[in-house]
N, C-alpha and C. Protein backbone atom coordinates (compact mmCIF):
# COMPACT_ATOMS: atom_id res chain seq x y z
N UNK A 1 112.85 74.22 21.86
CA UNK A 1 112.07 74.93 22.87
C UNK A 1 112.29 74.28 24.23
N UNK A 2 112.62 75.10 25.24
CA UNK A 2 112.87 74.59 26.58
C UNK A 2 111.59 74.02 27.18
N UNK A 3 111.74 72.96 27.95
CA UNK A 3 110.57 72.34 28.56
C UNK A 3 110.12 73.16 29.77
N UNK A 4 108.81 73.14 30.01
CA UNK A 4 108.25 73.80 31.18
C UNK A 4 108.38 72.87 32.38
N UNK A 5 108.82 73.42 33.50
CA UNK A 5 109.06 72.61 34.69
C UNK A 5 107.77 72.43 35.50
N UNK A 6 107.62 71.22 36.05
CA UNK A 6 106.39 70.85 36.76
C UNK A 6 106.74 70.27 38.12
N UNK A 7 106.02 70.69 39.16
CA UNK A 7 106.09 70.06 40.48
C UNK A 7 104.77 69.37 40.74
N UNK A 8 104.84 68.11 41.17
CA UNK A 8 103.65 67.34 41.52
C UNK A 8 103.47 67.38 43.03
N UNK A 9 102.36 67.95 43.49
CA UNK A 9 102.04 68.00 44.92
C UNK A 9 100.84 67.09 45.17
N UNK A 10 101.11 65.88 45.62
CA UNK A 10 100.10 64.83 45.75
C UNK A 10 100.46 63.94 46.93
N UNK A 11 99.49 63.70 47.85
CA UNK A 11 99.83 62.99 49.07
C UNK A 11 100.00 61.48 48.88
N UNK A 12 99.40 60.91 47.84
CA UNK A 12 99.50 59.48 47.59
C UNK A 12 100.70 59.20 46.67
N UNK A 13 101.73 58.51 47.17
CA UNK A 13 102.94 58.27 46.36
C UNK A 13 102.65 57.54 45.05
N UNK A 14 101.70 56.62 45.07
CA UNK A 14 101.39 55.87 43.85
C UNK A 14 100.77 56.79 42.79
N UNK A 15 99.85 57.65 43.25
CA UNK A 15 99.22 58.57 42.31
C UNK A 15 100.22 59.58 41.78
N UNK A 16 101.10 60.06 42.65
CA UNK A 16 102.11 61.01 42.18
C UNK A 16 103.05 60.36 41.17
N UNK A 17 103.34 59.07 41.34
CA UNK A 17 104.18 58.36 40.38
C UNK A 17 103.46 58.24 39.04
N UNK A 18 102.17 57.97 39.07
CA UNK A 18 101.39 57.91 37.83
C UNK A 18 101.41 59.26 37.12
N UNK A 19 101.21 60.33 37.87
CA UNK A 19 101.23 61.66 37.28
C UNK A 19 102.58 61.96 36.64
N UNK A 20 103.66 61.57 37.30
CA UNK A 20 104.99 61.78 36.75
C UNK A 20 105.17 61.02 35.44
N UNK A 21 104.70 59.79 35.40
CA UNK A 21 104.81 58.99 34.18
C UNK A 21 103.98 59.59 33.05
N UNK A 22 102.82 60.11 33.39
CA UNK A 22 101.99 60.76 32.38
C UNK A 22 102.71 61.98 31.80
N UNK A 23 103.28 62.80 32.69
CA UNK A 23 103.97 64.01 32.25
C UNK A 23 105.15 63.67 31.35
N UNK A 24 105.84 62.57 31.65
CA UNK A 24 106.98 62.15 30.82
C UNK A 24 106.56 61.88 29.38
N UNK A 25 105.29 61.48 29.19
CA UNK A 25 104.79 61.14 27.85
C UNK A 25 104.27 62.37 27.10
N UNK A 26 104.18 63.50 27.77
CA UNK A 26 103.63 64.72 27.15
C UNK A 26 104.78 65.65 26.80
N UNK A 27 104.92 65.94 25.55
CA UNK A 27 106.03 66.76 25.08
C UNK A 27 105.90 68.20 25.59
N UNK A 28 107.05 68.77 25.98
CA UNK A 28 107.07 70.16 26.39
C UNK A 28 107.13 70.37 27.89
N UNK A 29 107.10 69.27 28.68
CA UNK A 29 107.09 69.38 30.13
C UNK A 29 108.08 68.40 30.76
N UNK A 30 108.57 68.74 31.95
CA UNK A 30 109.39 67.81 32.73
C UNK A 30 109.11 68.02 34.22
N UNK A 31 109.03 66.92 34.95
CA UNK A 31 108.82 66.98 36.40
C UNK A 31 110.16 67.23 37.08
N UNK A 32 110.20 68.27 37.92
CA UNK A 32 111.45 68.60 38.62
C UNK A 32 111.38 68.25 40.10
N UNK A 33 110.19 67.90 40.59
CA UNK A 33 110.08 67.54 42.00
C UNK A 33 108.70 67.03 42.35
N UNK A 34 108.65 66.22 43.43
CA UNK A 34 107.40 65.65 43.92
C UNK A 34 107.31 65.88 45.42
N UNK A 35 106.17 66.43 45.87
CA UNK A 35 105.95 66.60 47.30
C UNK A 35 104.72 65.84 47.74
N UNK A 36 104.89 64.94 48.71
CA UNK A 36 103.77 64.14 49.19
C UNK A 36 103.12 64.71 50.45
N UNK A 37 103.64 65.85 50.90
CA UNK A 37 103.03 66.60 52.00
C UNK A 37 103.05 68.08 51.64
N UNK A 38 102.26 68.86 52.34
CA UNK A 38 102.27 70.31 52.10
C UNK A 38 103.65 70.87 52.36
N UNK A 39 104.28 70.41 53.45
CA UNK A 39 105.60 70.91 53.81
C UNK A 39 106.63 70.60 52.73
N UNK A 40 106.62 69.35 52.23
CA UNK A 40 107.55 68.97 51.17
C UNK A 40 107.30 69.80 49.91
N UNK A 41 106.04 69.94 49.55
CA UNK A 41 105.69 70.68 48.35
C UNK A 41 106.14 72.13 48.45
N UNK A 42 105.95 72.76 49.61
CA UNK A 42 106.39 74.14 49.80
C UNK A 42 107.88 74.29 49.57
N UNK A 43 108.66 73.38 50.17
CA UNK A 43 110.12 73.45 50.03
C UNK A 43 110.55 73.26 48.57
N UNK A 44 109.95 72.27 47.91
CA UNK A 44 110.31 71.98 46.52
C UNK A 44 109.95 73.15 45.61
N UNK A 45 108.78 73.75 45.84
CA UNK A 45 108.36 74.90 45.03
C UNK A 45 109.29 76.09 45.26
N UNK A 46 109.67 76.32 46.51
CA UNK A 46 110.58 77.43 46.82
C UNK A 46 111.93 77.25 46.14
N UNK A 47 112.42 76.02 46.09
CA UNK A 47 113.74 75.75 45.52
C UNK A 47 113.72 75.78 44.00
N UNK A 48 112.76 75.08 43.40
CA UNK A 48 112.76 74.91 41.94
C UNK A 48 112.03 76.01 41.18
N UNK A 49 111.14 76.74 41.85
CA UNK A 49 110.40 77.82 41.18
C UNK A 49 109.82 77.33 39.83
N UNK A 50 108.98 76.31 39.85
CA UNK A 50 108.52 75.69 38.60
C UNK A 50 107.57 76.60 37.82
N UNK A 51 107.33 76.22 36.58
CA UNK A 51 106.33 76.92 35.77
C UNK A 51 104.91 76.52 36.17
N UNK A 52 104.77 75.27 36.64
CA UNK A 52 103.44 74.72 36.88
C UNK A 52 103.46 73.76 38.07
N UNK A 53 102.39 73.80 38.87
CA UNK A 53 102.21 72.86 39.98
C UNK A 53 100.93 72.07 39.74
N UNK A 54 101.03 70.75 39.79
CA UNK A 54 99.84 69.88 39.78
C UNK A 54 99.49 69.64 41.25
N UNK A 55 98.38 70.19 41.69
CA UNK A 55 98.09 70.31 43.12
C UNK A 55 96.87 69.51 43.56
N UNK A 56 97.08 68.64 44.55
CA UNK A 56 95.98 67.95 45.20
C UNK A 56 95.39 68.90 46.26
N UNK A 57 94.22 68.56 46.79
CA UNK A 57 93.59 69.40 47.81
C UNK A 57 93.79 68.83 49.21
N UNK A 58 93.58 67.54 49.38
CA UNK A 58 93.62 66.95 50.71
C UNK A 58 95.00 66.35 51.00
N UNK A 59 95.63 66.84 52.07
CA UNK A 59 96.92 66.34 52.53
C UNK A 59 96.82 66.02 54.02
N UNK A 60 97.64 65.10 54.50
CA UNK A 60 97.60 64.77 55.94
C UNK A 60 98.04 65.93 56.82
N UNK A 61 98.83 66.86 56.28
CA UNK A 61 99.34 67.97 57.09
C UNK A 61 98.76 69.33 56.69
N UNK A 62 97.68 69.33 55.91
CA UNK A 62 97.09 70.62 55.55
C UNK A 62 96.20 70.53 54.34
N UNK A 63 95.84 71.70 53.82
CA UNK A 63 94.90 71.81 52.71
C UNK A 63 95.61 72.43 51.51
N UNK A 64 95.40 71.83 50.34
CA UNK A 64 96.05 72.32 49.13
C UNK A 64 95.65 73.74 48.76
N UNK A 65 94.44 74.16 49.16
CA UNK A 65 94.01 75.52 48.86
C UNK A 65 94.86 76.54 49.61
N UNK A 66 95.28 76.18 50.82
CA UNK A 66 96.18 77.07 51.57
C UNK A 66 97.52 77.20 50.85
N UNK A 67 98.00 76.07 50.29
CA UNK A 67 99.24 76.11 49.52
C UNK A 67 99.04 76.94 48.26
N UNK A 68 97.87 76.84 47.63
CA UNK A 68 97.57 77.63 46.44
C UNK A 68 97.71 79.12 46.74
N UNK A 69 97.11 79.57 47.84
CA UNK A 69 97.18 80.99 48.17
C UNK A 69 98.60 81.39 48.58
N UNK A 70 99.33 80.47 49.17
CA UNK A 70 100.73 80.74 49.50
C UNK A 70 101.55 80.94 48.23
N UNK A 71 101.27 80.11 47.23
CA UNK A 71 101.94 80.25 45.93
C UNK A 71 101.59 81.60 45.31
N UNK A 72 100.33 82.00 45.41
CA UNK A 72 99.91 83.27 44.83
C UNK A 72 100.63 84.45 45.49
N UNK A 73 100.88 84.34 46.80
CA UNK A 73 101.54 85.43 47.52
C UNK A 73 103.04 85.51 47.21
N UNK A 74 103.69 84.34 47.10
CA UNK A 74 105.15 84.32 46.99
C UNK A 74 105.66 84.07 45.58
N UNK A 75 104.88 83.41 44.73
CA UNK A 75 105.36 83.01 43.40
C UNK A 75 104.29 83.31 42.36
N UNK A 76 104.12 84.56 42.01
CA UNK A 76 103.03 84.95 41.12
C UNK A 76 103.21 84.41 39.70
N UNK A 77 104.41 84.01 39.35
CA UNK A 77 104.65 83.51 37.99
C UNK A 77 104.28 82.04 37.83
N UNK A 78 103.99 81.35 38.93
CA UNK A 78 103.70 79.92 38.89
C UNK A 78 102.21 79.68 38.64
N UNK A 79 101.91 78.81 37.68
CA UNK A 79 100.52 78.42 37.42
C UNK A 79 100.20 77.12 38.15
N UNK A 80 98.92 76.89 38.35
CA UNK A 80 98.47 75.73 39.14
C UNK A 80 97.31 75.04 38.43
N UNK A 81 97.40 73.71 38.39
CA UNK A 81 96.28 72.87 37.95
C UNK A 81 95.92 71.94 39.11
N UNK A 82 94.68 71.98 39.55
CA UNK A 82 94.25 71.10 40.64
C UNK A 82 93.88 69.73 40.08
N UNK A 83 94.39 68.68 40.73
CA UNK A 83 93.99 67.30 40.42
C UNK A 83 93.57 66.68 41.74
N UNK A 84 92.28 66.47 41.92
CA UNK A 84 91.77 66.17 43.25
C UNK A 84 90.49 65.34 43.22
N UNK A 85 90.18 64.74 44.35
CA UNK A 85 88.91 64.05 44.50
C UNK A 85 87.86 64.95 45.15
N UNK A 86 88.22 66.21 45.45
CA UNK A 86 87.31 67.15 46.11
C UNK A 86 86.20 67.56 45.15
N UNK A 87 84.98 67.16 45.45
CA UNK A 87 83.84 67.45 44.58
C UNK A 87 82.93 68.53 45.16
N UNK A 88 83.35 69.16 46.25
CA UNK A 88 82.55 70.22 46.84
C UNK A 88 82.61 71.47 45.96
N UNK A 89 81.45 72.08 45.74
CA UNK A 89 81.39 73.26 44.88
C UNK A 89 82.19 74.42 45.48
N UNK A 90 82.14 74.57 46.82
CA UNK A 90 82.86 75.68 47.43
C UNK A 90 84.37 75.52 47.27
N UNK A 91 84.85 74.27 47.22
CA UNK A 91 86.29 74.04 46.99
C UNK A 91 86.65 74.47 45.57
N UNK A 92 85.82 74.10 44.62
CA UNK A 92 86.05 74.52 43.24
C UNK A 92 86.04 76.04 43.13
N UNK A 93 85.08 76.69 43.80
CA UNK A 93 84.99 78.15 43.75
C UNK A 93 86.25 78.80 44.31
N UNK A 94 86.74 78.27 45.43
CA UNK A 94 87.95 78.83 46.02
C UNK A 94 89.16 78.62 45.11
N UNK A 95 89.21 77.46 44.45
CA UNK A 95 90.31 77.19 43.54
C UNK A 95 90.28 78.14 42.35
N UNK A 96 89.08 78.39 41.82
CA UNK A 96 88.95 79.32 40.69
C UNK A 96 89.33 80.73 41.13
N UNK A 97 88.90 81.12 42.33
CA UNK A 97 89.28 82.45 42.83
C UNK A 97 90.79 82.56 43.02
N UNK A 98 91.41 81.43 43.29
CA UNK A 98 92.86 81.42 43.43
C UNK A 98 93.60 81.37 42.11
N UNK A 99 92.85 81.33 41.01
CA UNK A 99 93.46 81.44 39.69
C UNK A 99 93.99 80.15 39.10
N UNK A 100 93.41 78.98 39.47
CA UNK A 100 93.89 77.73 38.89
C UNK A 100 93.59 77.70 37.39
N UNK A 101 94.47 77.10 36.62
CA UNK A 101 94.27 77.01 35.18
C UNK A 101 93.21 75.97 34.84
N UNK A 102 93.15 74.90 35.64
CA UNK A 102 92.15 73.86 35.40
C UNK A 102 91.91 73.10 36.70
N UNK A 103 90.82 72.37 36.73
CA UNK A 103 90.42 71.60 37.92
C UNK A 103 90.00 70.22 37.43
N UNK A 104 90.82 69.21 37.70
CA UNK A 104 90.60 67.86 37.18
C UNK A 104 90.22 66.93 38.33
N UNK A 105 89.11 66.24 38.17
CA UNK A 105 88.66 65.31 39.21
C UNK A 105 89.31 63.94 39.04
N UNK A 106 89.65 63.32 40.16
CA UNK A 106 90.14 61.95 40.15
C UNK A 106 88.96 60.99 40.01
N UNK A 107 89.16 59.81 39.43
CA UNK A 107 90.41 59.33 38.83
C UNK A 107 90.70 60.03 37.50
N UNK A 108 91.91 60.52 37.36
CA UNK A 108 92.30 61.27 36.17
C UNK A 108 92.77 60.32 35.09
N UNK A 109 92.37 60.60 33.85
CA UNK A 109 92.83 59.80 32.72
C UNK A 109 93.99 60.53 32.03
N UNK A 110 94.79 59.77 31.31
CA UNK A 110 95.91 60.38 30.57
C UNK A 110 95.40 61.37 29.54
N UNK A 111 94.34 61.02 28.82
CA UNK A 111 93.82 61.90 27.77
C UNK A 111 93.34 63.24 28.34
N UNK A 112 92.74 63.18 29.53
CA UNK A 112 92.27 64.43 30.16
C UNK A 112 93.45 65.31 30.54
N UNK A 113 94.47 64.71 31.11
CA UNK A 113 95.66 65.49 31.48
C UNK A 113 96.37 66.01 30.24
N UNK A 114 96.52 65.17 29.24
CA UNK A 114 97.19 65.60 28.01
C UNK A 114 96.47 66.79 27.38
N UNK A 115 95.15 66.76 27.40
CA UNK A 115 94.36 67.83 26.81
C UNK A 115 94.60 69.16 27.53
N UNK A 116 94.57 69.12 28.85
CA UNK A 116 94.75 70.38 29.59
C UNK A 116 96.19 70.87 29.52
N UNK A 117 97.16 69.95 29.45
CA UNK A 117 98.56 70.35 29.33
C UNK A 117 98.81 71.00 27.97
N UNK A 118 98.17 70.47 26.93
CA UNK A 118 98.28 71.07 25.60
C UNK A 118 97.69 72.47 25.60
N UNK A 119 96.55 72.64 26.27
CA UNK A 119 95.92 73.96 26.37
C UNK A 119 96.79 74.93 27.15
N UNK A 120 97.43 74.42 28.21
CA UNK A 120 98.30 75.27 29.01
C UNK A 120 99.52 75.72 28.21
N UNK A 121 100.10 74.80 27.46
CA UNK A 121 101.26 75.12 26.63
C UNK A 121 100.88 76.16 25.58
N UNK A 122 99.74 75.99 24.95
CA UNK A 122 99.27 76.95 23.95
C UNK A 122 99.03 78.31 24.60
N UNK A 123 98.49 78.32 25.80
CA UNK A 123 98.23 79.55 26.55
C UNK A 123 99.54 80.30 26.80
N UNK A 124 100.57 79.59 27.24
CA UNK A 124 101.87 80.21 27.50
C UNK A 124 102.47 80.78 26.22
N UNK A 125 102.35 80.05 25.14
CA UNK A 125 102.92 80.49 23.87
C UNK A 125 102.20 81.72 23.33
N UNK A 126 100.90 81.79 23.51
CA UNK A 126 100.14 82.96 23.08
C UNK A 126 100.61 84.20 23.84
N UNK A 127 100.82 84.06 25.14
CA UNK A 127 101.25 85.20 25.95
C UNK A 127 102.61 85.72 25.51
N UNK A 128 103.51 84.79 25.14
CA UNK A 128 104.85 85.20 24.72
C UNK A 128 104.83 86.00 23.42
N UNK A 129 103.85 85.71 22.56
CA UNK A 129 103.80 86.36 21.25
C UNK A 129 103.20 87.76 21.31
N UNK A 130 102.50 88.09 22.38
CA UNK A 130 101.83 89.38 22.47
C UNK A 130 102.82 90.47 22.88
N UNK A 131 102.90 91.51 22.06
CA UNK A 131 103.77 92.65 22.35
C UNK A 131 102.99 93.74 23.08
N UNK A 132 101.80 94.03 22.57
CA UNK A 132 100.94 95.04 23.19
C UNK A 132 99.51 94.54 23.17
N UNK A 133 98.83 94.65 24.31
CA UNK A 133 97.48 94.12 24.42
C UNK A 133 96.46 94.95 23.65
N UNK A 134 95.56 94.26 22.97
CA UNK A 134 94.33 94.88 22.51
C UNK A 134 93.19 93.96 22.94
N UNK A 135 91.94 94.35 22.66
CA UNK A 135 90.82 93.57 23.17
C UNK A 135 90.77 92.17 22.59
N UNK A 136 91.18 92.03 21.31
CA UNK A 136 91.21 90.70 20.71
C UNK A 136 92.19 89.78 21.44
N UNK A 137 93.37 90.34 21.82
CA UNK A 137 94.33 89.55 22.59
C UNK A 137 93.72 89.09 23.91
N UNK A 138 93.07 90.02 24.60
CA UNK A 138 92.49 89.72 25.91
C UNK A 138 91.42 88.63 25.77
N UNK A 139 90.54 88.80 24.79
CA UNK A 139 89.47 87.81 24.59
C UNK A 139 90.04 86.44 24.25
N UNK A 140 91.10 86.45 23.46
CA UNK A 140 91.74 85.19 23.04
C UNK A 140 92.36 84.47 24.22
N UNK A 141 92.95 85.22 25.15
CA UNK A 141 93.59 84.61 26.32
C UNK A 141 92.57 84.16 27.35
N UNK A 142 91.61 85.03 27.65
CA UNK A 142 90.65 84.73 28.72
C UNK A 142 89.56 83.76 28.26
N UNK A 143 89.13 83.91 27.00
CA UNK A 143 88.09 83.04 26.47
C UNK A 143 88.45 82.65 25.05
N UNK A 144 89.41 81.72 24.88
CA UNK A 144 89.91 81.39 23.55
C UNK A 144 88.85 80.82 22.61
N UNK A 145 87.75 80.29 23.13
CA UNK A 145 86.72 79.72 22.28
C UNK A 145 86.06 80.78 21.41
N UNK A 146 86.21 82.07 21.80
CA UNK A 146 85.59 83.14 21.04
C UNK A 146 86.48 83.67 19.94
N UNK A 147 87.72 83.18 19.86
CA UNK A 147 88.66 83.72 18.88
C UNK A 147 88.15 83.52 17.45
N UNK A 148 87.93 84.63 16.77
CA UNK A 148 87.60 84.61 15.35
C UNK A 148 86.21 84.07 15.03
N UNK A 149 85.54 83.46 16.00
CA UNK A 149 84.25 82.87 15.70
C UNK A 149 83.52 82.58 16.98
N UNK A 150 82.20 82.51 16.91
CA UNK A 150 81.41 82.19 18.08
C UNK A 150 81.41 80.68 18.33
N UNK A 151 81.91 79.90 17.38
CA UNK A 151 81.94 78.46 17.53
C UNK A 151 83.37 77.99 17.70
N UNK A 152 83.61 77.16 18.68
CA UNK A 152 84.94 76.64 18.94
C UNK A 152 85.31 75.60 17.88
N UNK A 153 86.54 75.71 17.37
CA UNK A 153 87.02 74.73 16.40
C UNK A 153 87.24 73.40 17.10
N UNK A 154 86.61 72.37 16.61
CA UNK A 154 86.73 71.07 17.24
C UNK A 154 87.79 70.25 16.51
N UNK A 155 88.75 69.72 17.28
CA UNK A 155 89.82 68.91 16.71
C UNK A 155 89.38 67.44 16.78
N UNK A 156 89.42 66.72 15.67
CA UNK A 156 89.02 65.31 15.67
C UNK A 156 89.88 64.48 16.62
N UNK A 157 89.35 63.36 17.08
CA UNK A 157 90.09 62.50 17.99
C UNK A 157 91.35 61.92 17.34
N UNK A 158 91.33 61.85 16.00
CA UNK A 158 92.49 61.31 15.29
C UNK A 158 93.64 62.30 15.21
N UNK A 159 93.42 63.53 15.66
CA UNK A 159 94.44 64.58 15.61
C UNK A 159 94.91 64.88 17.03
N UNK A 160 96.19 64.62 17.28
CA UNK A 160 96.78 64.93 18.58
C UNK A 160 97.21 66.40 18.59
N UNK A 161 96.76 67.22 19.55
CA UNK A 161 97.07 68.65 19.55
C UNK A 161 98.57 68.95 19.53
N UNK A 162 99.36 68.19 20.27
CA UNK A 162 100.80 68.45 20.33
C UNK A 162 101.47 68.13 19.00
N UNK A 163 101.09 67.02 18.38
CA UNK A 163 101.64 66.69 17.06
C UNK A 163 101.20 67.72 16.04
N UNK A 164 99.96 68.15 16.13
CA UNK A 164 99.45 69.17 15.21
C UNK A 164 100.26 70.46 15.34
N UNK A 165 100.59 70.80 16.56
CA UNK A 165 101.39 72.00 16.79
C UNK A 165 102.78 71.88 16.16
N UNK A 166 103.38 70.70 16.28
CA UNK A 166 104.70 70.47 15.69
C UNK A 166 104.64 70.55 14.17
N UNK A 167 103.61 69.97 13.57
CA UNK A 167 103.45 70.02 12.12
C UNK A 167 103.29 71.47 11.65
N UNK A 168 102.45 72.22 12.37
CA UNK A 168 102.22 73.62 12.01
C UNK A 168 103.51 74.43 12.14
N UNK A 169 104.26 74.17 13.19
CA UNK A 169 105.52 74.89 13.39
C UNK A 169 106.50 74.61 12.26
N UNK A 170 106.58 73.34 11.85
CA UNK A 170 107.51 72.97 10.78
C UNK A 170 107.12 73.61 9.45
N UNK A 171 105.85 73.53 9.10
CA UNK A 171 105.41 74.06 7.81
C UNK A 171 105.52 75.59 7.78
N UNK A 172 105.33 76.23 8.94
CA UNK A 172 105.45 77.69 8.98
C UNK A 172 106.89 78.13 8.82
N UNK A 173 107.83 77.35 9.34
CA UNK A 173 109.24 77.69 9.23
C UNK A 173 109.75 77.53 7.80
N UNK A 174 109.15 76.62 7.06
CA UNK A 174 109.58 76.38 5.68
C UNK A 174 109.14 77.49 4.73
N UNK A 175 108.06 78.19 5.09
CA UNK A 175 107.62 79.32 4.29
C UNK A 175 107.31 78.95 2.86
N UNK A 176 107.96 79.65 1.90
CA UNK A 176 107.66 79.47 0.48
C UNK A 176 108.22 78.16 -0.07
N UNK A 177 109.08 77.50 0.68
CA UNK A 177 109.67 76.24 0.19
C UNK A 177 108.62 75.13 0.10
N UNK A 178 107.68 75.12 1.04
CA UNK A 178 106.66 74.08 1.04
C UNK A 178 107.24 72.74 1.48
N UNK A 179 106.35 71.78 1.69
CA UNK A 179 106.79 70.47 2.15
C UNK A 179 105.77 69.42 1.72
N UNK A 180 106.24 68.22 1.40
CA UNK A 180 105.30 67.14 1.10
C UNK A 180 105.08 66.29 2.35
N UNK A 181 104.16 65.36 2.28
CA UNK A 181 103.79 64.57 3.46
C UNK A 181 104.94 63.70 3.94
N UNK A 182 105.72 63.15 3.00
CA UNK A 182 106.82 62.27 3.38
C UNK A 182 107.88 63.04 4.16
N UNK A 183 108.27 64.21 3.66
CA UNK A 183 109.28 65.01 4.35
C UNK A 183 108.77 65.50 5.70
N UNK A 184 107.50 65.86 5.77
CA UNK A 184 106.95 66.29 7.05
C UNK A 184 106.97 65.16 8.06
N UNK A 185 106.67 63.94 7.60
CA UNK A 185 106.72 62.80 8.50
C UNK A 185 108.11 62.61 9.08
N UNK A 186 109.14 62.78 8.26
CA UNK A 186 110.52 62.65 8.73
C UNK A 186 110.87 63.75 9.72
N UNK A 187 110.39 64.95 9.48
CA UNK A 187 110.70 66.08 10.35
C UNK A 187 110.07 65.92 11.74
N UNK A 188 108.85 65.38 11.76
CA UNK A 188 108.10 65.30 13.01
C UNK A 188 108.24 63.93 13.68
N UNK A 189 108.63 62.92 12.91
CA UNK A 189 108.76 61.57 13.46
C UNK A 189 107.48 60.77 13.40
N UNK A 190 106.71 60.97 12.31
CA UNK A 190 105.49 60.20 12.12
C UNK A 190 105.49 59.66 10.68
N UNK A 191 104.56 58.77 10.37
CA UNK A 191 104.48 58.19 9.03
C UNK A 191 103.95 59.17 8.00
N UNK A 192 104.19 58.87 6.72
CA UNK A 192 103.75 59.75 5.64
C UNK A 192 102.23 59.92 5.63
N UNK A 193 101.51 58.80 5.80
CA UNK A 193 100.05 58.87 5.80
C UNK A 193 99.52 59.72 6.95
N UNK A 194 100.14 59.55 8.11
CA UNK A 194 99.73 60.34 9.28
C UNK A 194 100.04 61.81 9.06
N UNK A 195 101.22 62.08 8.49
CA UNK A 195 101.59 63.47 8.22
C UNK A 195 100.61 64.12 7.24
N UNK A 196 100.20 63.37 6.24
CA UNK A 196 99.23 63.90 5.27
C UNK A 196 97.91 64.23 5.97
N UNK A 197 97.49 63.37 6.91
CA UNK A 197 96.24 63.63 7.63
C UNK A 197 96.31 64.95 8.40
N UNK A 198 97.44 65.21 9.04
CA UNK A 198 97.61 66.45 9.79
C UNK A 198 97.66 67.66 8.85
N UNK A 199 98.37 67.51 7.76
CA UNK A 199 98.48 68.61 6.80
C UNK A 199 97.12 68.94 6.18
N UNK A 200 96.36 67.90 5.84
CA UNK A 200 95.04 68.13 5.26
C UNK A 200 94.09 68.77 6.27
N UNK A 201 94.26 68.44 7.56
CA UNK A 201 93.44 69.09 8.58
C UNK A 201 93.77 70.59 8.63
N UNK A 202 95.06 70.93 8.53
CA UNK A 202 95.46 72.34 8.52
C UNK A 202 94.92 73.04 7.27
N UNK A 203 94.84 72.31 6.17
CA UNK A 203 94.24 72.86 4.95
C UNK A 203 92.77 73.21 5.22
N UNK A 204 92.07 72.29 5.89
CA UNK A 204 90.65 72.51 6.17
C UNK A 204 90.42 73.70 7.10
N UNK A 205 91.45 74.04 7.90
CA UNK A 205 91.35 75.16 8.83
C UNK A 205 91.81 76.47 8.20
N UNK A 206 92.28 76.42 6.95
CA UNK A 206 92.72 77.63 6.28
C UNK A 206 94.09 78.11 6.70
N UNK A 207 94.86 77.25 7.37
CA UNK A 207 96.19 77.62 7.84
C UNK A 207 97.26 77.25 6.83
N UNK A 208 96.99 76.21 6.06
CA UNK A 208 97.93 75.69 5.07
C UNK A 208 97.20 75.55 3.73
N UNK A 209 97.92 75.79 2.63
CA UNK A 209 97.31 75.59 1.31
C UNK A 209 98.10 74.56 0.52
N UNK A 210 97.43 73.69 -0.21
CA UNK A 210 98.12 72.67 -1.01
C UNK A 210 98.35 73.17 -2.44
N UNK A 211 99.33 72.56 -3.09
CA UNK A 211 99.59 72.89 -4.48
C UNK A 211 100.24 71.69 -5.16
N UNK A 212 99.83 71.42 -6.38
CA UNK A 212 100.43 70.34 -7.15
C UNK A 212 101.62 70.88 -7.93
N UNK A 213 102.77 70.22 -7.76
CA UNK A 213 104.00 70.63 -8.44
C UNK A 213 104.38 69.53 -9.41
N UNK A 214 104.50 69.88 -10.68
CA UNK A 214 104.80 68.90 -11.72
C UNK A 214 106.30 68.86 -12.00
N UNK A 215 106.88 67.67 -11.90
CA UNK A 215 108.29 67.49 -12.23
C UNK A 215 108.45 67.05 -13.67
N UNK A 216 109.69 66.70 -14.02
CA UNK A 216 109.96 66.29 -15.39
C UNK A 216 109.38 64.91 -15.70
N UNK A 217 109.34 64.03 -14.69
CA UNK A 217 108.77 62.70 -14.89
C UNK A 217 107.92 62.33 -13.68
N UNK A 218 107.08 61.33 -13.87
CA UNK A 218 106.30 60.82 -12.76
C UNK A 218 105.06 61.64 -12.45
N UNK A 219 104.38 61.26 -11.37
CA UNK A 219 103.15 61.91 -10.98
C UNK A 219 103.45 63.27 -10.34
N UNK A 220 102.50 64.21 -10.39
CA UNK A 220 102.70 65.50 -9.73
C UNK A 220 102.79 65.32 -8.22
N UNK A 221 103.55 66.19 -7.57
CA UNK A 221 103.77 66.10 -6.13
C UNK A 221 102.89 67.12 -5.42
N UNK A 222 102.24 66.70 -4.34
CA UNK A 222 101.37 67.60 -3.57
C UNK A 222 102.21 68.23 -2.45
N UNK A 223 102.42 69.54 -2.56
CA UNK A 223 103.17 70.27 -1.56
C UNK A 223 102.22 71.14 -0.73
N UNK A 224 102.64 71.40 0.50
CA UNK A 224 101.83 72.19 1.43
C UNK A 224 102.61 73.45 1.82
N UNK A 225 101.90 74.58 1.81
CA UNK A 225 102.53 75.86 2.09
C UNK A 225 101.77 76.56 3.22
N UNK A 226 102.54 77.21 4.10
CA UNK A 226 101.96 77.94 5.22
C UNK A 226 101.34 79.23 4.72
N UNK A 227 100.14 79.55 5.23
CA UNK A 227 99.48 80.80 4.89
C UNK A 227 99.73 81.79 6.03
N UNK A 228 100.50 82.82 5.76
CA UNK A 228 100.81 83.81 6.80
C UNK A 228 99.56 84.55 7.21
N UNK A 229 99.37 84.75 8.54
CA UNK A 229 98.18 85.48 9.02
C UNK A 229 98.22 86.95 8.64
């Protein structure tokens, strides 16, 4: 799967460097440019046409909200996540009206950024899978917490959303062949015990079903099979 391109628009070079390092650790994304002024960010966005912009609000040469609306006018395919120290409610309102995917207050933690990037990636993938809209599709995209239930599925802290997605993708591709925890660990690059934890979580969500397979000798093997929706 091709990585989504990211432009960091942040006036503080040290903070922009931190954001770049964070993005490098998150699978599915790559930074293609950094702008430390509004002018620089505009040029970089025009040239690279990224999938996503991480946008600060306060710049020495202008306001990030003006850049947001400029992006909306010229690059409708580009999504924006604000990362800012701006705590004014009216700034948040303007950002939401401008269609930002998320609004993260500084100081930003890696876990907070990783969480929103995982949500953004899932959002993009959902849109790609939709052929024709119905109300369930719309509700799922605009308010995913309502999908299938009034209660949002909570992922334990021990489960990383990106790793979970990789495990689910692998087991779904295997279909009727099934997979054990050891083989899944090799496929995804994690340990057998960790792979089992992810597989068992998918079992608890009704996405994967386990089955004991008895060989000619030794203990029975626990295989996991994808449940087609």
